[in-house]
Amino acid sequence: MTMTTAVAQARLARELADAEEAMNEALLKQAMLFTTMIAARRDTEVGHFTGHAELMRLNKSQQDLLASGGNLARVHSGLLDIGREVADLVEDCPSGRISLSDESLAA
C-alpha cells in the first residue's frame, strides 16, 4: 500500500511531535531522579560521596539525551525543508515548536 503525501505529512508530524515530547519527558524524569538521588543521600545521612559514580553516570546520560535532542531538532528542520521542496509545504511549525537559532544546534 502506498502512502499519499498528505498521509505521510500527517504521520511524520504526529510521530515527530511524539518523539519530541518523549525527549522532554525523559529529561524531566532524569532531572527528578537526580534530585531524588541527592535528597536521598542527604536525608539518609550516608556519606557525602555515596553514589557519586551513579550521579556522574546519570549526568552523562542527561548530556547524551540533550545531544540527542539537538539531533532530533535537526531532523525536524530537515523534514521541514523536505516538505517545502517535495510537497510545497508553506506552513512552518506552530510558533515555538522549533528554533534552530541556538548555536548548539547549528551544526
C-alpha atoms as a PDB file:
ATOM      1  CA  MET A   1       0.000   0.000   0.000  1.00  0.00           C
ATOM      2  CA  THR A   2       1.409   3.363  -0.958  1.00  0.00           C
ATOM      3  CA  MET A   3       1.225   6.405   1.246  1.00  0.00           C
ATOM      4  CA  THR A   4      -0.049   9.694  -0.109  1.00  0.00           C
ATOM      5  CA  THR A   5       1.892  12.881   0.521  1.00  0.00           C
ATOM      6  CA  ALA A   6      -0.837  14.175   2.822  1.00  0.00           C
ATOM      7  CA  VAL A   7      -0.837  10.961   4.866  1.00  0.00           C
ATOM      8  CA  ALA A   8       2.963  10.968   5.045  1.00  0.00           C
ATOM      9  CA  GLN A   9       2.993  14.587   6.238  1.00  0.00           C
ATOM     10  CA  ALA A  10       0.353  13.928   8.885  1.00  0.00           C
ATOM     11  CA  ARG A  11       2.070  10.786  10.145  1.00  0.00           C
ATOM     12  CA  LEU A  12       5.513  12.385  10.218  1.00  0.00           C
ATOM     13  CA  ALA A  13       4.199  15.464  12.020  1.00  0.00           C
ATOM     14  CA  ARG A  14       2.444  13.329  14.642  1.00  0.00           C
ATOM     15  CA  GLU A  15       5.352  10.950  15.205  1.00  0.00           C
ATOM     16  CA  LEU A  16       7.904  13.773  15.314  1.00  0.00           C
ATOM     17  CA  ALA A  17       5.832  15.624  17.904  1.00  0.00           C
ATOM     18  CA  ASP A  18       5.555  12.384  19.899  1.00  0.00           C
ATOM     19  CA  ALA A  19       9.332  11.883  19.758  1.00  0.00           C
ATOM     20  CA  GLU A  20       9.973  15.476  20.854  1.00  0.00           C
ATOM     21  CA  GLU A  21       7.525  15.129  23.728  1.00  0.00           C
ATOM     22  CA  ALA A  22       9.136  11.840  24.782  1.00  0.00           C
ATOM     23  CA  MET A  23      12.531  13.538  24.764  1.00  0.00           C
ATOM     24  CA  ASN A  24      11.271  16.267  27.073  1.00  0.00           C
ATOM     25  CA  GLU A  25       9.589  13.715  29.315  1.00  0.00           C
ATOM     26  CA  ALA A  26      12.808  11.690  29.559  1.00  0.00           C
ATOM     27  CA  LEU A  27      14.770  14.814  30.501  1.00  0.00           C
ATOM     28  CA  LEU A  28      12.223  15.661  33.186  1.00  0.00           C
ATOM     29  CA  LYS A  29      12.279  12.115  34.573  1.00  0.00           C
ATOM     30  CA  GLN A  30      16.069  12.135  34.713  1.00  0.00           C
ATOM     31  CA  ALA A  31      16.100  15.517  36.427  1.00  0.00           C
ATOM     32  CA  MET A  32      13.618  14.238  39.011  1.00  0.00           C
ATOM     33  CA  LEU A  33      15.749  11.123  39.532  1.00  0.00           C
ATOM     34  CA  PHE A  34      18.860  13.259  40.009  1.00  0.00           C
ATOM     35  CA  THR A  35      17.066  15.398  42.581  1.00  0.00           C
ATOM     36  CA  THR A  36      15.780  12.343  44.441  1.00  0.00           C
ATOM     37  CA  MET A  37      19.231  10.744  44.472  1.00  0.00           C
ATOM     38  CA  ILE A  38      20.747  13.861  46.065  1.00  0.00           C
ATOM     39  CA  ALA A  39      17.884  14.212  48.544  1.00  0.00           C
ATOM     40  CA  ALA A  40      18.150  10.534  49.492  1.00  0.00           C
ATOM     41  CA  ARG A  41      21.871  10.879  50.087  1.00  0.00           C
ATOM     42  CA  ARG A  42      21.338  13.939  52.265  1.00  0.00           C
ATOM     43  CA  ASP A  43      18.247  12.732  54.136  1.00  0.00           C
ATOM     44  CA  THR A  44      19.530   9.238  54.902  1.00  0.00           C
ATOM     45  CA  GLU A  45      22.790  10.675  56.204  1.00  0.00           C
ATOM     46  CA  VAL A  46      25.001   8.323  54.236  1.00  0.00           C
ATOM     47  CA  GLY A  47      28.440   9.518  53.205  1.00  0.00           C
ATOM     48  CA  HIS A  48      28.682  12.777  51.299  1.00  0.00           C
ATOM     49  CA  PHE A  49      30.066  10.994  48.262  1.00  0.00           C
ATOM     50  CA  THR A  50      27.926   7.861  48.360  1.00  0.00           C
ATOM     51  CA  GLY A  51      26.515   7.282  44.887  1.00  0.00           C
ATOM     52  CA  HIS A  52      28.874   9.770  43.296  1.00  0.00           C
ATOM     53  CA  ALA A  53      29.677   7.462  40.379  1.00  0.00           C
ATOM     54  CA  GLU A  54      25.988   6.884  39.756  1.00  0.00           C
ATOM     55  CA  LEU A  55      25.308  10.627  39.798  1.00  0.00           C
ATOM     56  CA  MET A  56      28.112  11.130  37.298  1.00  0.00           C
ATOM     57  CA  ARG A  57      26.636   8.441  35.034  1.00  0.00           C
ATOM     58  CA  LEU A  58      23.179   9.993  35.267  1.00  0.00           C
ATOM     59  CA  ASN A  59      24.664  13.393  34.468  1.00  0.00           C
ATOM     60  CA  LYS A  60      26.359  11.892  31.401  1.00  0.00           C
ATOM     61  CA  SER A  61      23.069  10.306  30.401  1.00  0.00           C
ATOM     62  CA  GLN A  62      21.388  13.711  30.615  1.00  0.00           C
ATOM     63  CA  GLN A  63      24.106  15.263  28.460  1.00  0.00           C
ATOM     64  CA  ASP A  64      23.681  12.497  25.896  1.00  0.00           C
ATOM     65  CA  LEU A  65      19.930  12.982  25.885  1.00  0.00           C
ATOM     66  CA  LEU A  66      20.356  16.725  25.328  1.00  0.00           C
ATOM     67  CA  ALA A  67      22.681  15.984  22.401  1.00  0.00           C
ATOM     68  CA  SER A  68      20.064  13.600  21.022  1.00  0.00           C
ATOM     69  CA  GLY A  69      17.504  16.380  21.343  1.00  0.00           C
ATOM     70  CA  GLY A  70      19.718  18.587  19.207  1.00  0.00           C
ATOM     71  CA  ASN A  71      19.867  15.885  16.562  1.00  0.00           C
ATOM     72  CA  LEU A  72      16.096  15.491  16.706  1.00  0.00           C
ATOM     73  CA  ALA A  73      15.755  19.250  16.164  1.00  0.00           C
ATOM     74  CA  ARG A  74      17.973  18.915  13.082  1.00  0.00           C
ATOM     75  CA  VAL A  75      15.732  16.099  11.824  1.00  0.00           C
ATOM     76  CA  HIS A  76      12.730  18.369  12.378  1.00  0.00           C
ATOM     77  CA  SER A  77      14.359  21.171  10.408  1.00  0.00           C
ATOM     78  CA  GLY A  78      15.370  18.788   7.622  1.00  0.00           C
ATOM     79  CA  LEU A  79      11.851  17.396   7.351  1.00  0.00           C
ATOM     80  CA  LEU A  80      10.512  20.938   7.064  1.00  0.00           C
ATOM     81  CA  ASP A  81      12.941  21.577   4.213  1.00  0.00           C
ATOM     82  CA  ILE A  82      11.881  18.342   2.504  1.00  0.00           C
ATOM     83  CA  GLY A  83       8.234  19.280   2.960  1.00  0.00           C
ATOM     84  CA  ARG A  84       8.807  22.633   1.315  1.00  0.00           C
ATOM     85  CA  GLU A  85      10.718  21.052  -1.559  1.00  0.00           C
ATOM     86  CA  VAL A  86       8.660  17.944  -2.233  1.00  0.00           C
ATOM     87  CA  ALA A  87       5.173  18.815  -1.099  1.00  0.00           C
ATOM     88  CA  ASP A  88       5.056  22.593  -1.462  1.00  0.00           C
ATOM     89  CA  LEU A  89       4.635  22.874   2.296  1.00  0.00           C
ATOM     90  CA  VAL A  90       4.115  26.537   3.006  1.00  0.00           C
ATOM     91  CA  GLU A  91       3.378  26.493   6.720  1.00  0.00           C
ATOM     92  CA  ASP A  92       6.015  26.247   9.333  1.00  0.00           C
ATOM     93  CA  CYS A  93       5.596  24.626  12.683  1.00  0.00           C
ATOM     94  CA  PRO A  94       3.473  26.330  15.285  1.00  0.00           C
ATOM     95  CA  SER A  95       5.338  29.138  16.995  1.00  0.00           C
ATOM     96  CA  GLY A  96       7.915  27.930  19.451  1.00  0.00           C
ATOM     97  CA  ARG A  97       7.934  24.308  18.257  1.00  0.00           C
ATOM     98  CA  ILE A  98      11.398  24.524  16.769  1.00  0.00           C
ATOM     99  CA  SER A  99      14.084  27.138  16.819  1.00  0.00           C
ATOM    100  CA  LEU A 100      17.448  26.422  15.285  1.00  0.00           C
ATOM    101  CA  SER A 101      18.875  29.815  16.129  1.00  0.00           C
ATOM    102  CA  ASP A 102      20.657  28.318  19.130  1.00  0.00           C
ATOM    103  CA  GLU A 103      24.353  27.984  18.253  1.00  0.00           C
ATOM    104  CA  SER A 104      24.445  24.497  19.774  1.00  0.00           C
ATOM    105  CA  LEU A 105      22.086  23.244  17.037  1.00  0.00           C
ATOM    106  CA  ALA A 106      23.772  24.976  14.125  1.00  0.00           C
ATOM    107  CA  ALA A 107      25.896  22.019  13.011  1.00  0.00           C
END
